[in-house]
PDB file of N, CA and C in Angstrom:
ATOM      1  N   MET A   1      17.445  -9.501 -22.740  1.00  0.00           N
ATOM      2  CA  MET A   1      15.999  -9.441 -22.529  1.00  0.00           C
ATOM      3  C   MET A   1      15.644  -8.410 -21.461  1.00  0.00           C
ATOM      4  N   ASN A   2      16.503  -8.276 -20.466  1.00  0.00           N
ATOM      5  CA  ASN A   2      16.196  -7.368 -19.362  1.00  0.00           C
ATOM      6  C   ASN A   2      15.848  -5.976 -19.842  1.00  0.00           C
ATOM      7  N   GLU A   3      16.532  -5.506 -20.849  1.00  0.00           N
ATOM      8  CA  GLU A   3      16.332  -4.139 -21.283  1.00  0.00           C
ATOM      9  C   GLU A   3      15.292  -3.999 -22.388  1.00  0.00           C
ATOM     10  N   GLN A   4      15.137  -4.991 -23.240  1.00  0.00           N
ATOM     11  CA  GLN A   4      14.255  -4.850 -24.399  1.00  0.00           C
ATOM     12  C   GLN A   4      12.810  -4.598 -24.011  1.00  0.00           C
ATOM     13  N   ASP A   5      12.272  -5.377 -23.094  1.00  0.00           N
ATOM     14  CA  ASP A   5      10.871  -5.193 -22.724  1.00  0.00           C
ATOM     15  C   ASP A   5      10.654  -3.876 -21.986  1.00  0.00           C
ATOM     16  N   THR A   6      11.589  -3.512 -21.122  1.00  0.00           N
ATOM     17  CA  THR A   6      11.477  -2.249 -20.390  1.00  0.00           C
ATOM     18  C   THR A   6      11.588  -1.059 -21.345  1.00  0.00           C
ATOM     19  N   GLN A   7      12.545  -1.117 -22.258  1.00  0.00           N
ATOM     20  CA  GLN A   7      12.716  -0.037 -23.228  1.00  0.00           C
ATOM     21  C   GLN A   7      11.493   0.094 -24.123  1.00  0.00           C
ATOM     22  N   PHE A   8      10.949  -1.037 -24.562  1.00  0.00           N
ATOM     23  CA  PHE A   8       9.765  -1.014 -25.414  1.00  0.00           C
ATOM     24  C   PHE A   8       8.591  -0.362 -24.692  1.00  0.00           C
ATOM     25  N   LEU A   9       8.334  -0.792 -23.453  1.00  0.00           N
ATOM     26  CA  LEU A   9       7.211  -0.252 -22.693  1.00  0.00           C
ATOM     27  C   LEU A   9       7.412   1.237 -22.424  1.00  0.00           C
ATOM     28  N   GLU A  10       8.599   1.612 -22.039  1.00  0.00           N
ATOM     29  CA  GLU A  10       8.874   3.022 -21.745  1.00  0.00           C
ATOM     30  C   GLU A  10       8.678   3.889 -22.991  1.00  0.00           C
ATOM     31  N   TYR A  11       9.195   3.448 -24.121  1.00  0.00           N
ATOM     32  CA  TYR A  11       9.058   4.198 -25.366  1.00  0.00           C
ATOM     33  C   TYR A  11       7.586   4.348 -25.761  1.00  0.00           C
ATOM     34  N   THR A  12       6.845   3.270 -25.683  1.00  0.00           N
ATOM     35  CA  THR A  12       5.437   3.269 -26.077  1.00  0.00           C
ATOM     36  C   THR A  12       4.604   4.167 -25.171  1.00  0.00           C
ATOM     37  N   VAL A  13       4.770   4.027 -23.870  1.00  0.00           N
ATOM     38  CA  VAL A  13       3.966   4.792 -22.925  1.00  0.00           C
ATOM     39  C   VAL A  13       4.310   6.280 -22.992  1.00  0.00           C
ATOM     40  N   LYS A  14       5.592   6.604 -23.059  1.00  0.00           N
ATOM     41  CA  LYS A  14       5.992   8.007 -23.113  1.00  0.00           C
ATOM     42  C   LYS A  14       5.479   8.698 -24.373  1.00  0.00           C
ATOM     43  N   ALA A  15       5.296   7.935 -25.442  1.00  0.00           N
ATOM     44  CA  ALA A  15       4.750   8.511 -26.675  1.00  0.00           C
ATOM     45  C   ALA A  15       3.260   8.821 -26.539  1.00  0.00           C
ATOM     46  N   LEU A  16       2.573   8.151 -25.618  1.00  0.00           N
ATOM     47  CA  LEU A  16       1.130   8.324 -25.467  1.00  0.00           C
ATOM     48  C   LEU A  16       0.738   9.412 -24.467  1.00  0.00           C
ATOM     49  N   VAL A  17       1.562   9.654 -23.455  1.00  0.00           N
ATOM     50  CA  VAL A  17       1.161  10.513 -22.342  1.00  0.00           C
ATOM     51  C   VAL A  17       1.606  11.964 -22.530  1.00  0.00           C
ATOM     52  N   ASP A  18       0.978  12.862 -21.759  1.00  0.00           N
ATOM     53  CA  ASP A  18       1.350  14.277 -21.769  1.00  0.00           C
ATOM     54  C   ASP A  18       2.483  14.573 -20.787  1.00  0.00           C
ATOM     55  N   ASN A  19       2.673  13.709 -19.805  1.00  0.00           N
ATOM     56  CA  ASN A  19       3.696  13.901 -18.772  1.00  0.00           C
ATOM     57  C   ASN A  19       4.686  12.739 -18.787  1.00  0.00           C
ATOM     58  N   PRO A  20       5.571  12.673 -19.785  1.00  0.00           N
ATOM     59  CA  PRO A  20       6.480  11.523 -19.878  1.00  0.00           C
ATOM     60  C   PRO A  20       7.470  11.426 -18.724  1.00  0.00           C
ATOM     61  N   GLY A  21       7.717  12.529 -18.035  1.00  0.00           N
ATOM     62  CA  GLY A  21       8.624  12.489 -16.894  1.00  0.00           C
ATOM     63  C   GLY A  21       8.066  11.730 -15.708  1.00  0.00           C
ATOM     64  N   ASP A  22       6.754  11.549 -15.664  1.00  0.00           N
ATOM     65  CA  ASP A  22       6.115  10.854 -14.551  1.00  0.00           C
ATOM     66  C   ASP A  22       5.962   9.349 -14.777  1.00  0.00           C
ATOM     67  N   VAL A  23       6.435   8.842 -15.906  1.00  0.00           N
ATOM     68  CA  VAL A  23       6.310   7.411 -16.210  1.00  0.00           C
ATOM     69  C   VAL A  23       7.359   6.638 -15.412  1.00  0.00           C
ATOM     70  N   LYS A  24       6.896   5.652 -14.648  1.00  0.00           N
ATOM     71  CA  LYS A  24       7.790   4.806 -13.862  1.00  0.00           C
ATOM     72  C   LYS A  24       7.461   3.349 -14.143  1.00  0.00           C
ATOM     73  N   ILE A  25       8.498   2.574 -14.397  1.00  0.00           N
ATOM     74  CA  ILE A  25       8.323   1.157 -14.695  1.00  0.00           C
ATOM     75  C   ILE A  25       9.189   0.350 -13.739  1.00  0.00           C
ATOM     76  N   VAL A  26       8.568  -0.630 -13.088  1.00  0.00           N
ATOM     77  CA  VAL A  26       9.293  -1.543 -12.207  1.00  0.00           C
ATOM     78  C   VAL A  26       9.174  -2.935 -12.809  1.00  0.00           C
ATOM     79  N   ARG A  27      10.311  -3.586 -13.000  1.00  0.00           N
ATOM     80  CA  ARG A  27      10.336  -4.912 -13.622  1.00  0.00           C
ATOM     81  C   ARG A  27      10.753  -5.936 -12.577  1.00  0.00           C
ATOM     82  N   THR A  28       9.916  -6.959 -12.377  1.00  0.00           N
ATOM     83  CA  THR A  28      10.256  -8.033 -11.445  1.00  0.00           C
ATOM     84  C   THR A  28      10.148  -9.369 -12.170  1.00  0.00           C
ATOM     85  N   VAL A  29      11.013 -10.294 -11.781  1.00  0.00           N
ATOM     86  CA  VAL A  29      11.031 -11.624 -12.385  1.00  0.00           C
ATOM     87  C   VAL A  29      10.827 -12.649 -11.286  1.00  0.00           C
ATOM     88  N   ASP A  30       9.908 -13.606 -11.531  1.00  0.00           N
ATOM     89  CA  ASP A  30       9.704 -14.707 -10.600  1.00  0.00           C
ATOM     90  C   ASP A  30       9.415 -15.963 -11.400  1.00  0.00           C
ATOM     91  N   GLU A  31       8.961 -17.015 -10.721  1.00  0.00           N
ATOM     92  CA  GLU A  31       8.714 -18.286 -11.411  1.00  0.00           C
ATOM     93  C   GLU A  31       7.572 -18.205 -12.425  1.00  0.00           C
ATOM     94  N   MET A  32       6.702 -17.197 -12.285  1.00  0.00           N
ATOM     95  CA  MET A  32       5.583 -17.024 -13.218  1.00  0.00           C
ATOM     96  C   MET A  32       6.002 -16.272 -14.486  1.00  0.00           C
ATOM     97  N   GLY A  33       7.130 -15.592 -14.451  1.00  0.00           N
ATOM     98  CA  GLY A  33       7.590 -14.831 -15.603  1.00  0.00           C
ATOM     99  C   GLY A  33       7.983 -13.425 -15.194  1.00  0.00           C
ATOM    100  N   VAL A  34       7.801 -12.499 -16.117  1.00  0.00           N
ATOM    101  CA  VAL A  34       8.183 -11.104 -15.898  1.00  0.00           C
ATOM    102  C   VAL A  34       6.926 -10.286 -15.638  1.00  0.00           C
ATOM    103  N   LEU A  35       6.963  -9.473 -14.592  1.00  0.00           N
ATOM    104  CA  LEU A  35       5.857  -8.570 -14.292  1.00  0.00           C
ATOM    105  C   LEU A  35       6.366  -7.143 -14.427  1.00  0.00           C
ATOM    106  N   MET A  36       5.745  -6.392 -15.340  1.00  0.00           N
ATOM    107  CA  MET A  36       6.078  -4.991 -15.533  1.00  0.00           C
ATOM    108  C   MET A  36       4.979  -4.191 -14.841  1.00  0.00           C
ATOM    109  N   THR A  37       5.364  -3.356 -13.869  1.00  0.00           N
ATOM    110  CA  THR A  37       4.408  -2.525 -13.151  1.00  0.00           C
ATOM    111  C   THR A  37       4.586  -1.090 -13.623  1.00  0.00           C
ATOM    112  N   LEU A  38       3.512  -0.519 -14.147  1.00  0.00           N
ATOM    113  CA  LEU A  38       3.547   0.809 -14.746  1.00  0.00           C
ATOM    114  C   LEU A  38       2.813   1.811 -13.874  1.00  0.00           C
ATOM    115  N   SER A  39       3.465   2.957 -13.629  1.00  0.00           N
ATOM    116  CA  SER A  39       2.843   4.074 -12.919  1.00  0.00           C
ATOM    117  C   SER A  39       2.960   5.307 -13.804  1.00  0.00           C
ATOM    118  N   VAL A  40       1.851   6.028 -13.946  1.00  0.00           N
ATOM    119  CA  VAL A  40       1.847   7.254 -14.743  1.00  0.00           C
ATOM    120  C   VAL A  40       1.154   8.359 -13.955  1.00  0.00           C
ATOM    121  N   ASN A  41       1.242   9.573 -14.456  1.00  0.00           N
ATOM    122  CA  ASN A  41       0.551  10.709 -13.871  1.00  0.00           C
ATOM    123  C   ASN A  41      -0.954  10.432 -13.902  1.00  0.00           C
ATOM    124  N   PRO A  42      -1.693  10.765 -12.838  1.00  0.00           N
ATOM    125  CA  PRO A  42      -3.138  10.510 -12.825  1.00  0.00           C
ATOM    126  C   PRO A  42      -3.881  11.124 -14.019  1.00  0.00           C
ATOM    127  N   ALA A  43      -3.398  12.244 -14.525  1.00  0.00           N
ATOM    128  CA  ALA A  43      -4.056  12.890 -15.670  1.00  0.00           C
ATOM    129  C   ALA A  43      -3.897  12.076 -16.949  1.00  0.00           C
ATOM    130  N   ASP A  44      -2.921  11.175 -16.988  1.00  0.00           N
ATOM    131  CA  ASP A  44      -2.642  10.383 -18.188  1.00  0.00           C
ATOM    132  C   ASP A  44      -3.253   8.983 -18.153  1.00  0.00           C
ATOM    133  N   MET A  45      -3.951   8.633 -17.084  1.00  0.00           N
ATOM    134  CA  MET A  45      -4.493   7.275 -16.969  1.00  0.00           C
ATOM    135  C   MET A  45      -5.439   6.936 -18.114  1.00  0.00           C
ATOM    136  N   GLY A  46      -6.276   7.864 -18.503  1.00  0.00           N
ATOM    137  CA  GLY A  46      -7.229   7.606 -19.578  1.00  0.00           C
ATOM    138  C   GLY A  46      -6.541   7.312 -20.894  1.00  0.00           C
ATOM    139  N   LYS A  47      -5.413   7.941 -21.141  1.00  0.00           N
ATOM    140  CA  LYS A  47      -4.682   7.705 -22.387  1.00  0.00           C
ATOM    141  C   LYS A  47      -4.040   6.332 -22.398  1.00  0.00           C
ATOM    142  N   ILE A  48      -3.610   5.864 -21.248  1.00  0.00           N
ATOM    143  CA  ILE A  48      -2.975   4.547 -21.174  1.00  0.00           C
ATOM    144  C   ILE A  48      -4.019   3.437 -21.226  1.00  0.00           C
ATOM    145  N   ILE A  49      -5.135   3.624 -20.562  1.00  0.00           N
ATOM    146  CA  ILE A  49      -6.170   2.590 -20.542  1.00  0.00           C
ATOM    147  C   ILE A  49      -6.961   2.597 -21.844  1.00  0.00           C
ATOM    148  N   GLY A  50      -7.306   3.772 -22.338  1.00  0.00           N
ATOM    149  CA  GLY A  50      -8.034   3.867 -23.605  1.00  0.00           C
ATOM    150  C   GLY A  50      -9.507   3.565 -23.439  1.00  0.00           C
ATOM    151  N   ARG A  51     -10.225   3.737 -24.529  1.00  0.00           N
ATOM    152  CA  ARG A  51     -11.663   3.498 -24.510  1.00  0.00           C
ATOM    153  C   ARG A  51     -11.934   2.015 -24.326  1.00  0.00           C
ATOM    154  N   MET A  52     -12.669   1.705 -23.269  1.00  0.00           N
ATOM    155  CA  MET A  52     -13.023   0.320 -22.910  1.00  0.00           C
ATOM    156  C   MET A  52     -11.776  -0.561 -22.714  1.00  0.00           C
ATOM    157  N   GLY A  53     -10.650   0.062 -22.358  1.00  0.00           N
ATOM    158  CA  GLY A  53      -9.435  -0.696 -22.083  1.00  0.00           C
ATOM    159  C   GLY A  53      -8.679  -1.166 -23.299  1.00  0.00           C
ATOM    160  N   ASN A  54      -9.041  -0.678 -24.478  1.00  0.00           N
ATOM    161  CA  ASN A  54      -8.418  -1.177 -25.706  1.00  0.00           C
ATOM    162  C   ASN A  54      -6.940  -0.833 -25.818  1.00  0.00           C
ATOM    163  N   THR A  55      -6.530   0.347 -25.378  1.00  0.00           N
ATOM    164  CA  THR A  55      -5.116   0.712 -25.458  1.00  0.00           C
ATOM    165  C   THR A  55      -4.294  -0.166 -24.521  1.00  0.00           C
ATOM    166  N   ALA A  56      -4.776  -0.377 -23.305  1.00  0.00           N
ATOM    167  CA  ALA A  56      -4.066  -1.236 -22.352  1.00  0.00           C
ATOM    168  C   ALA A  56      -3.960  -2.661 -22.890  1.00  0.00           C
ATOM    169  N   LYS A  57      -5.028  -3.162 -23.503  1.00  0.00           N
ATOM    170  CA  LYS A  57      -4.995  -4.515 -24.083  1.00  0.00           C
ATOM    171  C   LYS A  57      -3.956  -4.605 -25.186  1.00  0.00           C
ATOM    172  N   ALA A  58      -3.879  -3.570 -26.023  1.00  0.00           N
ATOM    173  CA  ALA A  58      -2.911  -3.565 -27.122  1.00  0.00           C
ATOM    174  C   ALA A  58      -1.480  -3.537 -26.597  1.00  0.00           C
ATOM    175  N   ILE A  59      -1.236  -2.723 -25.579  1.00  0.00           N
ATOM    176  CA  ILE A  59       0.112  -2.662 -24.988  1.00  0.00           C
ATOM    177  C   ILE A  59       0.476  -4.013 -24.392  1.00  0.00           C
ATOM    178  N   ARG A  60      -0.472  -4.646 -23.689  1.00  0.00           N
ATOM    179  CA  ARG A  60      -0.203  -5.965 -23.099  1.00  0.00           C
ATOM    180  C   ARG A  60       0.098  -7.005 -24.178  1.00  0.00           C
ATOM    181  N   THR A  61      -0.654  -6.964 -25.271  1.00  0.00           N
ATOM    182  CA  THR A  61      -0.433  -7.909 -26.365  1.00  0.00           C
ATOM    183  C   THR A  61       0.954  -7.729 -26.963  1.00  0.00           C
ATOM    184  N   LEU A  62       1.342  -6.487 -27.220  1.00  0.00           N
ATOM    185  CA  LEU A  62       2.665  -6.224 -27.787  1.00  0.00           C
ATOM    186  C   LEU A  62       3.776  -6.630 -26.826  1.00  0.00           C
ATOM    187  N   LEU A  63       3.569  -6.411 -25.518  1.00  0.00           N
ATOM    188  CA  LEU A  63       4.570  -6.840 -24.538  1.00  0.00           C
ATOM    189  C   LEU A  63       4.719  -8.359 -24.533  1.00  0.00           C
ATOM    190  N   ARG A  64       3.612  -9.070 -24.688  1.00  0.00           N
ATOM    191  CA  ARG A  64       3.696 -10.541 -24.745  1.00  0.00           C
ATOM    192  C   ARG A  64       4.476 -10.996 -25.971  1.00  0.00           C
ATOM    193  N   VAL A  65       4.300 -10.277 -27.093  1.00  0.00           N
ATOM    194  CA  VAL A  65       5.046 -10.616 -28.315  1.00  0.00           C
ATOM    195  C   VAL A  65       6.535 -10.397 -28.082  1.00  0.00           C
ATOM    196  N   VAL A  66       6.902  -9.289 -27.462  1.00  0.00           N
ATOM    197  CA  VAL A  66       8.304  -9.027 -27.140  1.00  0.00           C
ATOM    198  C   VAL A  66       8.827 -10.139 -26.231  1.00  0.00           C
ATOM    199  N   GLY A  67       8.028 -10.540 -25.262  1.00  0.00           N
ATOM    200  CA  GLY A  67       8.433 -11.614 -24.355  1.00  0.00           C
ATOM    201  C   GLY A  67       8.582 -12.949 -25.060  1.00  0.00           C
ATOM    202  N   MET A  68       7.646 -13.284 -25.952  1.00  0.00           N
ATOM    203  CA  MET A  68       7.719 -14.562 -26.671  1.00  0.00           C
ATOM    204  C   MET A  68       8.972 -14.620 -27.536  1.00  0.00           C
ATOM    205  N   LYS A  69       9.340 -13.494 -28.097  1.00  0.00           N
ATOM    206  CA  LYS A  69      10.545 -13.431 -28.925  1.00  0.00           C
ATOM    207  C   LYS A  69      11.774 -13.801 -28.101  1.00  0.00           C
ATOM    208  N   ASN A  70      11.715 -13.531 -26.800  1.00  0.00           N
ATOM    209  CA  ASN A  70      12.838 -13.797 -25.911  1.00  0.00           C
ATOM    210  C   ASN A  70      12.552 -14.930 -24.925  1.00  0.00           C
ATOM    211  N   ASN A  71      11.564 -15.765 -25.234  1.00  0.00           N
ATOM    212  CA  ASN A  71      11.213 -16.928 -24.414  1.00  0.00           C
ATOM    213  C   ASN A  71      10.880 -16.553 -22.969  1.00  0.00           C
ATOM    214  N   ALA A  72      10.082 -15.515 -22.798  1.00  0.00           N
ATOM    215  CA  ALA A  72       9.671 -15.104 -21.462  1.00  0.00           C
ATOM    216  C   ALA A  72       8.190 -14.747 -21.491  1.00  0.00           C
ATOM    217  N   ARG A  73       7.528 -14.954 -20.381  1.00  0.00           N
ATOM    218  CA  ARG A  73       6.131 -14.567 -20.250  1.00  0.00           C
ATOM    219  C   ARG A  73       6.089 -13.204 -19.576  1.00  0.00           C
ATOM    220  N   VAL A  74       5.573 -12.203 -20.277  1.00  0.00           N
ATOM    221  CA  VAL A  74       5.568 -10.832 -19.771  1.00  0.00           C
ATOM    222  C   VAL A  74       4.133 -10.398 -19.508  1.00  0.00           C
ATOM    223  N   ASN A  75       3.889  -9.877 -18.315  1.00  0.00           N
ATOM    224  CA  ASN A  75       2.587  -9.344 -17.939  1.00  0.00           C
ATOM    225  C   ASN A  75       2.740  -7.891 -17.526  1.00  0.00           C
ATOM    226  N   LEU A  76       1.674  -7.117 -17.715  1.00  0.00           N
ATOM    227  CA  LEU A  76       1.686  -5.700 -17.367  1.00  0.00           C
ATOM    228  C   LEU A  76       0.627  -5.412 -16.324  1.00  0.00           C
ATOM    229  N   LYS A  77       1.048  -4.721 -15.266  1.00  0.00           N
ATOM    230  CA  LYS A  77       0.121  -4.248 -14.243  1.00  0.00           C
ATOM    231  C   LYS A  77       0.180  -2.728 -14.274  1.00  0.00           C
ATOM    232  N   ILE A  78      -0.978  -2.083 -14.374  1.00  0.00           N
ATOM    233  CA  ILE A  78      -1.050  -0.629 -14.376  1.00  0.00           C
ATOM    234  C   ILE A  78      -1.540  -0.190 -13.010  1.00  0.00           C
ATOM    235  N   ASN A  79      -0.691   0.538 -12.288  1.00  0.00           N
ATOM    236  CA  ASN A  79      -1.053   1.017 -10.953  1.00  0.00           C
ATOM    237  C   ASN A  79      -2.075   2.130 -11.053  1.00  0.00           C
ATOM    238  N   GLU A  80      -3.121   2.020 -10.258  1.00  0.00           N
ATOM    239  CA  GLU A  80      -4.105   3.100 -10.175  1.00  0.00           C
ATOM    240  C   GLU A  80      -3.573   4.143  -9.215  1.00  0.00           C
ATOM    241  N   PRO A  81      -3.535   5.406  -9.631  1.00  0.00           N
ATOM    242  CA  PRO A  81      -2.977   6.441  -8.753  1.00  0.00           C
ATOM    243  C   PRO A  81      -3.887   6.712  -7.565  1.00  0.00           C
ATOM    244  N   GLU A  82      -3.291   7.280  -6.509  1.00  0.00           N
ATOM    245  CA  GLU A  82      -4.072   7.688  -5.347  1.00  0.00           C
ATOM    246  C   GLU A  82      -5.090   8.730  -5.781  1.00  0.00           C
ATOM    247  N   GLY A  83      -6.288   8.628  -5.276  1.00  0.00           N
ATOM    248  CA  GLY A  83      -7.327   9.580  -5.664  1.00  0.00           C
ATOM    249  C   GLY A  83      -7.784   9.356  -7.091  1.00  0.00           C
ATOM    250  N   GLY A  84      -7.734   8.109  -7.546  1.00  0.00           N
ATOM    251  CA  GLY A  84      -8.122   7.791  -8.911  1.00  0.00           C
ATOM    252  C   GLY A  84      -9.615   7.963  -9.134  1.00  0.00           C
ATOM    253  N   MET A  85     -10.097   7.404 -10.218  1.00  0.00           N
ATOM    254  CA  MET A  85     -11.487   7.605 -10.618  1.00  0.00           C
ATOM    255  C   MET A  85     -12.480   6.807  -9.796  1.00  0.00           C
ATOM    256  N   LYS A  86     -12.020   5.854  -8.999  1.00  0.00           N
ATOM    257  CA  LYS A  86     -12.956   5.103  -8.163  1.00  0.00           C
ATOM    258  C   LYS A  86     -13.516   6.035  -7.115  1.00  0.00           C
ATOM    259  N   LYS A  87     -14.778   6.338  -7.217  1.00  0.00           N
ATOM    260  CA  LYS A  87     -15.409   7.248  -6.268  1.00  0.00           C
ATOM    261  C   LYS A  87     -16.588   6.556  -5.620  1.00  0.00           C
ATOM    262  N   GLU A  88     -16.755   6.846  -4.375  1.00  0.00           N
ATOM    263  CA  GLU A  88     -17.918   6.346  -3.654  1.00  0.00           C
ATOM    264  C   GLU A  88     -18.964   7.441  -3.663  1.00  0.00           C
ATOM    265  N   TYR A  89     -20.097   7.174  -4.256  1.00  0.00           N
ATOM    266  CA  TYR A  89     -21.162   8.152  -4.318  1.00  0.00           C
ATOM    267  C   TYR A  89     -22.191   7.857  -3.236  1.00  0.00           C
ATOM    268  N   PRO A  90     -22.585   8.872  -2.489  1.00  0.00           N
ATOM    269  CA  PRO A  90     -23.643   8.630  -1.511  1.00  0.00           C
ATOM    270  C   PRO A  90     -24.943   8.318  -2.251  1.00  0.00           C
ATOM    271  N   SER A  91     -25.801   7.565  -1.603  1.00  0.00           N
ATOM    272  CA  SER A  91     -27.038   7.151  -2.269  1.00  0.00           C
ATOM    273  C   SER A  91     -27.934   8.342  -2.574  1.00  0.00           C
ATOM    274  N   GLN A  92     -27.862   9.369  -1.759  1.00  0.00           N
ATOM    275  CA  GLN A  92     -28.685  10.543  -2.004  1.00  0.00           C
ATOM    276  C   GLN A  92     -27.973  11.759  -1.418  1.00  0.00           C
ATOM    277  N   THR A  93     -27.821  12.793  -2.212  1.00  0.00           N
ATOM    278  CA  THR A  93     -27.157  13.994  -1.718  1.00  0.00           C
ATOM    279  C   THR A  93     -28.148  14.826  -0.933  1.00  0.00           C
ATOM    280  N   PRO A  94     -27.683  15.706  -0.045  1.00  0.00           N
ATOM    281  CA  PRO A  94     -28.602  16.477   0.797  1.00  0.00           C
ATOM    282  C   PRO A  94     -29.551  17.370  -0.003  1.00  0.00           C
ATOM    283  N   ASN A  95     -29.140  17.876  -1.139  1.00  0.00           N
ATOM    284  CA  ASN A  95     -29.976  18.789  -1.924  1.00  0.00           C
ATOM    285  C   ASN A  95     -30.939  18.057  -2.858  1.00  0.00           C
ATOM    286  N   MET A  96     -30.869  16.755  -2.894  1.00  0.00           N
ATOM    287  CA  MET A  96     -31.678  15.985  -3.822  1.00  0.00           C
ATOM    288  C   MET A  96     -33.096  15.812  -3.281  1.00  0.00           C
ATOM    289  N   LYS A  97     -34.076  16.041  -4.140  1.00  0.00           N
ATOM    290  CA  LYS A  97     -35.477  15.898  -3.734  1.00  0.00           C
ATOM    291  C   LYS A  97     -36.008  14.558  -4.193  1.00  0.00           C
ATOM    292  N   SER A  98     -37.025  14.111  -3.507  1.00  0.00           N
ATOM    293  CA  SER A  98     -37.676  12.884  -3.946  1.00  0.00           C
ATOM    294  C   SER A  98     -38.529  13.205  -5.174  1.00  0.00           C
ATOM    295  N   VAL A  99     -38.973  12.194  -5.848  1.00  0.00           N
ATOM    296  CA  VAL A  99     -39.809  12.381  -7.035  1.00  0.00           C
ATOM    297  C   VAL A  99     -41.102  13.117  -6.673  1.00  0.00           C
ATOM    298  N   ASP A 100     -41.711  12.763  -5.544  1.00  0.00           N
ATOM    299  CA  ASP A 100     -42.955  13.415  -5.123  1.00  0.00           C
ATOM    300  C   ASP A 100     -42.740  14.907  -4.846  1.00  0.00           C
ATOM    301  N   GLU A 101     -41.609  15.248  -4.218  1.00  0.00           N
ATOM    302  CA  GLU A 101     -41.325  16.650  -3.950  1.00  0.00           C
ATOM    303  C   GLU A 101     -41.091  17.418  -5.253  1.00  0.00           C
ATOM    304  N   ALA A 102     -40.396  16.808  -6.190  1.00  0.00           N
ATOM    305  CA  ALA A 102     -40.138  17.466  -7.469  1.00  0.00           C
ATOM    306  C   ALA A 102     -41.452  17.684  -8.222  1.00  0.00           C
ATOM    307  N   MET A 103     -42.349  16.690  -8.191  1.00  0.00           N
ATOM    308  CA  MET A 103     -43.652  16.835  -8.875  1.00  0.00           C
ATOM    309  C   MET A 103     -44.472  17.931  -8.217  1.00  0.00           C
ATOM    310  N   ALA A 104     -44.396  18.027  -6.880  1.00  0.00           N
ATOM    311  CA  ALA A 104     -45.145  19.087  -6.177  1.00  0.00           C
ATOM    312  C   ALA A 104     -44.615  20.458  -6.566  1.00  0.00           C
ATOM    313  N   ASP A 105     -43.312  20.581  -6.753  1.00  0.00           N
ATOM    314  CA  ASP A 105     -42.714  21.836  -7.171  1.00  0.00           C
ATOM    315  C   ASP A 105     -43.196  22.241  -8.576  1.00  0.00           C
ATOM    316  N   LEU A 106     -43.425  21.252  -9.416  1.00  0.00           N
ATOM    317  CA  LEU A 106     -43.869  21.551 -10.778  1.00  0.00           C
ATOM    318  C   LEU A 106     -45.344  21.942 -10.823  1.00  0.00           C
ATOM    319  N   LYS A 107     -46.093  21.577  -9.800  1.00  0.00           N
ATOM    320  CA  LYS A 107     -47.528  21.889  -9.681  1.00  0.00           C
ATOM    321  C   LYS A 107     -48.317  21.378 -10.893  1.00  0.00           C
ATOM    322  N   ILE A 108     -48.064  20.140 -11.204  1.00  0.00           N
ATOM    323  CA  ILE A 108     -48.758  19.517 -12.345  1.00  0.00           C
ATOM    324  C   ILE A 108     -50.006  18.812 -11.854  1.00  0.00           C
TER     325      ILE A 108
END
């Protein structure tokens, strides 16, 4: 079992990404089951997560099937890379005008 789930995840993820050399998988086992932690190149995150998370859900479902076949509970955690898509946007940028200023510029 140790190798089947890791090999399956590695094969699947490497087939999806543009940078297969950057795929890293860490497998840990505890009383809750098996936790597979996946790290990929930041440019490939969208391919692994998919539209509305559908690709990630499918990979997790298939991993659970592999785990059930071997009487283990398998979960997948996808590490968000440093400098990922989570961005903090300021409420107003310095060049941004208020609605009243924009209307005055239009001279309507």
